[in-house]
Protein backbone atom coordinates (compact mmCIF):
# COMPACT_ATOMS: atom_id res chain seq x y z
CA UNK A 1 -0.02 -0.03 0.12
CA UNK A 2 1.05 3.48 -0.69
CA UNK A 3 1.57 5.75 2.34
CA UNK A 4 -0.36 8.98 1.91
CA UNK A 5 1.89 11.97 2.89
CA UNK A 6 0.43 14.98 4.60
CA UNK A 7 1.14 18.67 4.51
CA UNK A 8 2.16 20.57 7.75
CA UNK A 9 -1.61 20.98 8.70
CA UNK A 10 -2.36 17.23 8.48
CA UNK A 11 -4.69 17.23 5.65
CA UNK A 12 -3.86 14.12 3.67
CA UNK A 13 -6.30 15.02 0.87
CA UNK A 14 -3.95 18.00 -0.35
CA UNK A 15 -1.44 15.49 -1.88
CA UNK A 16 -3.75 12.63 -2.80
CA UNK A 17 -3.83 13.54 -6.57
CA UNK A 18 -0.11 13.55 -6.67
CA UNK A 19 0.40 10.51 -4.71
CA UNK A 20 -1.89 8.56 -6.89
CA UNK A 21 -0.18 9.84 -10.05
CA UNK A 22 3.23 8.86 -8.92
CA UNK A 23 1.88 5.42 -7.74
CA UNK A 24 0.56 4.99 -11.24
CA UNK A 25 3.91 6.10 -12.76
CA UNK A 26 5.77 3.59 -10.43
CA UNK A 27 3.48 0.53 -10.98
CA UNK A 28 2.73 1.09 -14.70
CA UNK A 29 6.13 2.43 -15.89
CA UNK A 30 9.07 2.27 -13.61
CA UNK A 31 8.64 -1.13 -11.91
CA UNK A 32 7.90 -2.80 -15.24
CA UNK A 33 10.96 -1.75 -17.19
CA UNK A 34 14.70 -1.70 -16.73
CA UNK A 35 16.12 1.76 -17.39
CA UNK A 36 20.01 1.76 -17.85
CA UNK A 37 20.48 5.29 -17.00
CA UNK A 38 18.84 8.71 -16.27
CA UNK A 39 18.39 9.41 -20.10
CA UNK A 40 16.49 6.24 -20.58
CA UNK A 41 14.47 6.81 -17.44
CA UNK A 42 13.47 10.46 -18.61
CA UNK A 43 12.51 9.14 -22.03
CA UNK A 44 10.38 6.36 -20.35
CA UNK A 45 8.61 8.54 -18.07
CA UNK A 46 7.94 10.98 -20.89
CA UNK A 47 6.46 8.23 -23.03
CA UNK A 48 4.35 7.06 -20.05
CA UNK A 49 2.97 10.62 -19.47
CA UNK A 50 2.05 10.81 -23.08
CA UNK A 51 0.18 7.61 -22.74
CA UNK A 52 -1.33 8.65 -19.39
CA UNK A 53 -2.79 11.80 -20.80
CA UNK A 54 -3.89 10.54 -24.28
CA UNK A 55 -4.60 6.77 -24.15
CA UNK A 56 -5.23 5.70 -20.74
CA UNK A 57 -8.91 5.94 -19.32
CA UNK A 58 -9.04 7.40 -15.70
CA UNK A 59 -11.66 6.03 -12.98
CA UNK A 60 -11.99 9.47 -11.84
CA UNK A 61 -12.99 10.75 -15.12
CA UNK A 62 -15.55 7.89 -15.74
CA UNK A 63 -12.84 6.03 -17.73
CA UNK A 64 -12.42 8.99 -20.23
CA UNK A 65 -8.92 10.15 -21.25
CA UNK A 66 -7.71 13.57 -19.85
CA UNK A 67 -7.15 14.74 -23.42
CA UNK A 68 -10.78 14.24 -24.31
CA UNK A 69 -11.77 16.50 -21.44
CA UNK A 70 -9.01 19.02 -22.10
CA UNK A 71 -10.22 19.33 -25.78
CA UNK A 72 -13.84 19.57 -24.90
CA UNK A 73 -13.05 22.30 -22.42
CA UNK A 74 -10.92 24.24 -24.72
CA UNK A 75 -13.67 24.08 -27.35
CA UNK A 76 -16.20 25.32 -24.86
CA UNK A 77 -13.95 28.26 -23.77
CA UNK A 78 -13.33 29.06 -27.47
CA UNK A 79 -17.17 29.23 -27.94
CA UNK A 80 -17.52 31.42 -24.86
CA UNK A 81 -14.86 33.75 -26.00
CA UNK A 82 -16.58 34.15 -29.44
CA UNK A 83 -19.85 34.75 -27.78
CA UNK A 84 -18.43 37.23 -25.34
CA UNK A 85 -16.64 39.13 -28.04
CA UNK A 86 -19.84 39.38 -30.18
CA UNK A 87 -21.75 40.62 -27.17
CA UNK A 88 -19.18 43.33 -26.58
CA UNK A 89 -19.12 44.37 -30.19
CA UNK A 90 -23.02 44.71 -30.10
CA UNK A 91 -22.93 46.63 -26.87
CA UNK A 92 -20.36 48.98 -28.40
CA UNK A 93 -22.28 49.34 -31.43
CA UNK A 94 -25.54 50.05 -29.59
CA UNK A 95 -23.67 52.70 -27.34
CA UNK A 96 -22.15 54.54 -30.30
CA UNK A 97 -25.34 54.48 -32.11
CA UNK A 98 -27.22 55.97 -29.06
CA UNK A 99 -24.68 58.74 -28.67
CA UNK A 100 -25.09 59.79 -32.47
CA UNK A 101 -28.44 61.48 -32.29
CA UNK A 102 -29.40 63.85 -34.88
């Protein structure tokens, strides 16, 4: 079992996400491969994080991949930005047309 570390105030939930991440890295990458040196280890962990974020389903995300949620959130934010820009332009247009009275 993984020992959960705590911050100075004794709240173990502060680090739970990092603890779970590194548990996954160790059990799914480091312990399953033999790395001859630091460069190989770096490359192995880099490849694992690419897999972790793009191909591996996560229980906490209803077995979706983080990249799916990221892309969806980015799409939503882009749409909101466009909508807000149009609202500002319409408001600016309305305020300038109101000030131009004959």
